[in-house]
Protein backbone atom coordinates (compact mmCIF):
# COMPACT_ATOMS: atom_id res chain seq x y z
CA MET A 1 53.72 -20.51 2.11
CA THR A 2 50.92 -20.68 -0.46
CA THR A 3 47.22 -20.40 0.17
CA PRO A 4 45.05 -23.32 -0.99
CA ALA A 5 43.23 -22.76 -4.28
CA SER A 6 39.78 -23.09 -2.74
CA SER A 7 40.59 -20.40 -0.18
CA THR A 8 41.95 -18.07 -2.87
CA GLY A 9 38.84 -18.58 -4.99
CA SER A 10 36.62 -17.80 -2.03
CA SER A 11 38.64 -14.69 -1.20
CA THR A 12 38.54 -13.53 -4.83
CA LEU A 13 34.78 -14.12 -4.94
CA THR A 14 34.32 -12.09 -1.75
CA THR A 15 36.45 -9.27 -3.16
CA LEU A 16 34.53 -9.29 -6.44
CA SER A 17 31.17 -9.37 -4.73
CA SER A 18 32.05 -6.51 -2.36
CA SER A 19 33.46 -4.41 -5.21
CA SER A 20 30.31 -5.08 -7.27
CA SER A 21 28.04 -4.00 -4.42
CA ASP A 22 30.20 -0.89 -3.82
CA ALA A 23 29.88 0.00 -7.51
CA LEU A 24 26.12 -0.51 -7.38
CA LEU A 25 25.75 1.66 -4.28
CA SER A 26 27.78 4.48 -5.83
CA ALA A 27 26.07 4.25 -9.22
CA PRO A 28 24.42 7.70 -8.99
CA ALA A 29 27.83 9.26 -8.42
CA THR A 30 29.20 7.64 -11.57
CA LEU A 31 26.28 8.75 -13.75
CA THR A 32 26.53 12.17 -15.33
CA LEU A 33 24.36 14.90 -13.86
CA GLY A 34 22.80 15.36 -17.31
CA ARG A 35 21.58 11.75 -17.32
CA LEU A 36 20.18 12.06 -13.81
CA HIS A 37 18.36 15.26 -14.78
CA GLY A 38 17.02 13.50 -17.89
CA ALA A 39 15.73 10.64 -15.72
CA ALA A 40 14.13 13.22 -13.39
CA VAL A 41 12.34 14.85 -16.34
CA VAL A 42 10.95 11.46 -17.40
CA ARG A 43 9.91 10.79 -13.77
CA ILE A 44 8.02 14.10 -13.62
CA ALA A 45 6.34 13.49 -17.00
CA PHE A 46 5.31 10.04 -15.78
CA GLY A 47 3.93 11.72 -12.66
CA VAL A 48 1.79 14.00 -14.84
CA LEU A 49 0.43 10.90 -16.60
CA TRP A 50 -0.43 9.30 -13.25
CA ALA A 51 -2.03 12.59 -12.11
CA VAL A 52 -4.33 12.54 -15.15
CA ASP A 53 -5.24 8.90 -14.38
CA ALA A 54 -5.91 9.82 -10.74
CA THR A 55 -8.12 12.75 -11.79
CA PHE A 56 -10.34 10.38 -13.78
CA LYS A 57 -10.65 8.15 -10.70
CA TRP A 58 -12.03 11.07 -8.64
CA LEU A 59 -14.89 11.69 -11.11
CA PRO A 60 -18.38 10.80 -9.80
CA GLY A 61 -18.96 7.73 -11.99
CA PHE A 62 -15.87 5.95 -10.68
CA ILE A 63 -15.56 7.31 -7.14
CA HIS A 64 -19.08 6.13 -6.23
CA GLY A 65 -18.28 2.68 -7.62
CA GLN A 66 -20.87 2.88 -10.40
CA THR A 67 -18.50 1.72 -13.15
CA LEU A 68 -16.64 -1.00 -11.23
CA GLY A 69 -18.95 -3.81 -12.35
CA ASP A 70 -18.04 -3.10 -15.97
CA GLU A 71 -14.38 -2.33 -15.34
CA LEU A 72 -13.82 -5.53 -13.37
CA GLY A 73 -16.12 -7.67 -15.53
CA LYS A 74 -13.56 -9.30 -17.82
CA ALA A 75 -14.10 -12.75 -16.28
CA ALA A 76 -17.09 -13.36 -18.56
CA ASP A 77 -14.83 -13.02 -21.64
CA VAL A 78 -11.94 -15.12 -20.29
CA GLN A 79 -12.59 -18.82 -19.79
CA THR A 80 -9.00 -20.02 -19.21
CA PRO A 81 -9.27 -21.60 -15.73
CA VAL A 82 -6.62 -19.82 -13.63
CA PHE A 83 -7.16 -16.42 -15.28
CA HIS A 84 -10.95 -16.79 -15.01
CA GLN A 85 -10.77 -17.41 -11.24
CA TRP A 86 -8.32 -14.53 -10.77
CA LEU A 87 -10.63 -12.11 -12.59
CA GLN A 88 -13.68 -13.40 -10.71
CA MET A 89 -11.89 -12.81 -7.40
CA TRP A 90 -11.14 -9.16 -8.26
CA HIS A 91 -14.69 -8.65 -9.50
CA ALA A 92 -16.04 -10.02 -6.20
CA ILE A 93 -13.69 -7.85 -4.11
CA GLY A 94 -14.39 -4.67 -6.08
CA THR A 95 -18.15 -5.04 -6.26
CA SER A 96 -18.60 -6.13 -2.62
CA VAL A 97 -17.63 -2.63 -1.38
CA PRO A 98 -17.51 -0.55 -4.58
CA GLY A 99 -17.23 2.86 -2.92
CA ALA A 100 -14.31 1.87 -0.68
CA PHE A 101 -12.55 0.05 -3.54
CA ALA A 102 -12.94 3.09 -5.82
CA VAL A 103 -11.72 5.55 -3.17
CA GLY A 104 -8.77 3.28 -2.36
CA THR A 105 -7.82 3.14 -6.03
CA ALA A 106 -8.12 6.94 -6.39
CA VAL A 107 -6.00 7.55 -3.27
CA ILE A 108 -3.26 5.13 -4.39
CA GLU A 109 -3.06 6.69 -7.86
CA THR A 110 -2.95 10.19 -6.33
CA LEU A 111 -0.11 9.18 -3.97
CA ILE A 112 1.84 7.64 -6.86
CA ALA A 113 1.39 10.84 -8.90
CA LEU A 114 2.54 13.05 -5.99
CA GLY A 115 5.50 10.79 -5.26
CA LEU A 116 6.64 10.95 -8.88
CA LEU A 117 6.07 14.69 -9.29
CA LEU A 118 7.81 15.63 -6.04
CA GLY A 119 10.43 12.89 -6.08
CA ALA A 120 9.44 11.78 -2.59
CA PHE A 121 10.11 8.20 -1.39
CA SER A 122 11.10 7.40 -4.97
CA ASN A 123 12.20 3.80 -4.43
CA VAL A 124 8.89 2.93 -2.78
CA VAL A 125 6.91 4.81 -5.42
CA PHE A 126 8.70 3.15 -8.38
CA ILE A 127 8.28 -0.37 -7.03
CA GLY A 128 4.78 0.37 -5.73
CA SER A 129 3.61 1.79 -9.05
CA ALA A 130 4.99 -1.27 -10.88
CA VAL A 131 3.08 -3.61 -8.53
CA PHE A 132 -0.09 -1.49 -8.70
CA SER A 133 0.14 -1.34 -12.51
CA PHE A 134 0.42 -5.12 -12.60
CA GLY A 135 -2.74 -5.24 -10.47
CA ILE A 136 -4.59 -3.03 -12.94
CA TRP A 137 -3.30 -4.99 -15.95
CA SER A 138 -4.15 -8.35 -14.42
CA GLY A 139 -7.45 -7.21 -12.88
CA ALA A 140 -9.31 -4.44 -14.68
CA GLU A 141 -7.58 -5.10 -18.02
CA GLY A 142 -7.73 -8.88 -17.56
CA PHE A 143 -4.24 -9.40 -19.05
CA HIS A 144 -5.89 -7.99 -22.21
CA LEU A 145 -7.36 -11.46 -22.77
CA PRO A 146 -8.68 -13.16 -24.81
CA TRP A 147 -5.84 -12.72 -27.26
CA LYS A 148 -7.26 -12.85 -30.75
CA GLN A 149 -6.52 -11.92 -34.32
CA GLY A 150 -6.59 -8.18 -34.92
CA MET A 151 -5.15 -7.22 -31.51
CA THR A 152 -2.63 -4.41 -31.63
CA ASP A 153 -1.33 -4.27 -28.04
CA LEU A 154 -1.38 -5.90 -24.59
CA GLY A 155 -3.06 -2.99 -22.80
CA PRO A 156 -1.60 0.28 -21.48
CA SER A 157 -0.87 -0.77 -17.90
CA VAL A 158 1.76 -3.32 -18.89
CA GLY A 159 3.82 -0.37 -20.16
CA TYR A 160 3.46 1.36 -16.78
CA ILE A 161 5.08 -1.66 -15.12
CA PHE A 162 8.23 -1.42 -17.20
CA ALA A 163 8.33 2.39 -17.08
CA SER A 164 8.27 2.28 -13.26
CA LEU A 165 11.06 -0.31 -13.11
CA ALA A 166 13.13 1.60 -15.69
CA LEU A 167 12.88 4.77 -13.57
CA TYR A 168 13.98 2.80 -10.51
CA TYR A 169 17.09 1.48 -12.29
CA ALA A 170 17.81 4.91 -13.83
CA PHE A 171 18.02 6.47 -10.33
CA ALA A 172 15.28 8.91 -11.38
CA GLY A 173 14.77 10.03 -7.78
CA SER A 174 18.38 11.18 -7.41
CA SER A 175 17.93 14.74 -8.62
CA TRP A 176 15.23 17.42 -8.63
CA SER A 177 13.51 15.59 -5.81
CA LEU A 178 12.52 15.88 -2.15
CA ASP A 179 14.46 12.67 -1.58
CA THR A 180 17.68 14.69 -1.40
CA ARG A 181 16.34 16.17 1.87
CA LEU A 182 14.32 13.19 3.08
CA ARG A 183 17.05 10.55 2.77
CA PRO A 184 19.47 12.04 5.36
CA ALA A 185 16.60 12.80 7.75
CA LEU A 186 15.23 9.23 7.66
CA GLY A 187 18.43 7.52 8.81
CA ARG A 188 18.16 3.74 8.35
CA TYR A 189 14.90 4.19 6.43
CA GLY A 190 16.64 6.41 3.88
CA ARG A 191 16.71 3.50 1.43
CA LEU A 192 13.00 4.21 0.81
CA CYS A 193 14.19 7.31 -1.06
CA GLY A 194 16.25 7.72 -4.21
CA ARG A 195 20.01 7.99 -3.75
CA PRO A 196 21.41 11.54 -3.89
CA ALA A 197 23.22 12.59 -7.06
CA GLY A 198 26.99 12.90 -6.73
């Protein structure tokens, strides 16, 4: 007795999809230890970069909110409607409680730096730093608008977005990290951490 074609196709699709997800889940095991260590080195170097950024945020001029008006003041230069309103919103939020906004920014950057350096909660840190970097690029850097002749780049934070996502997909929290100890201890919440190597 033969199985109908539609049923076979469905079964094949299910088999393919489960084998694809199994391969994705075991990806760290299939990567060489050298590549995982290389990704860990890049993660730690990126953590040093975030630590330098965080240090600047703890300096008196920023932490007391004295520079926020200038740093979030790109709306005056950008007249494109949607972007202008977006930048005005962030300027209003930041300057309404400048001290709290500055401290919040400094704390977030410090936590990202520590997460990257220690390899703790790597999956959360990679995705969180990408989202936070987008916030900086779209807020303080104002998408690097207005785009004009003579520009040479789109602003530094856009690079942070892609670096964070690249580290996530390179399993950079799989080795030389606290995640190797945290993941088993967290049970169902272990997915917040990088997958263990091998």
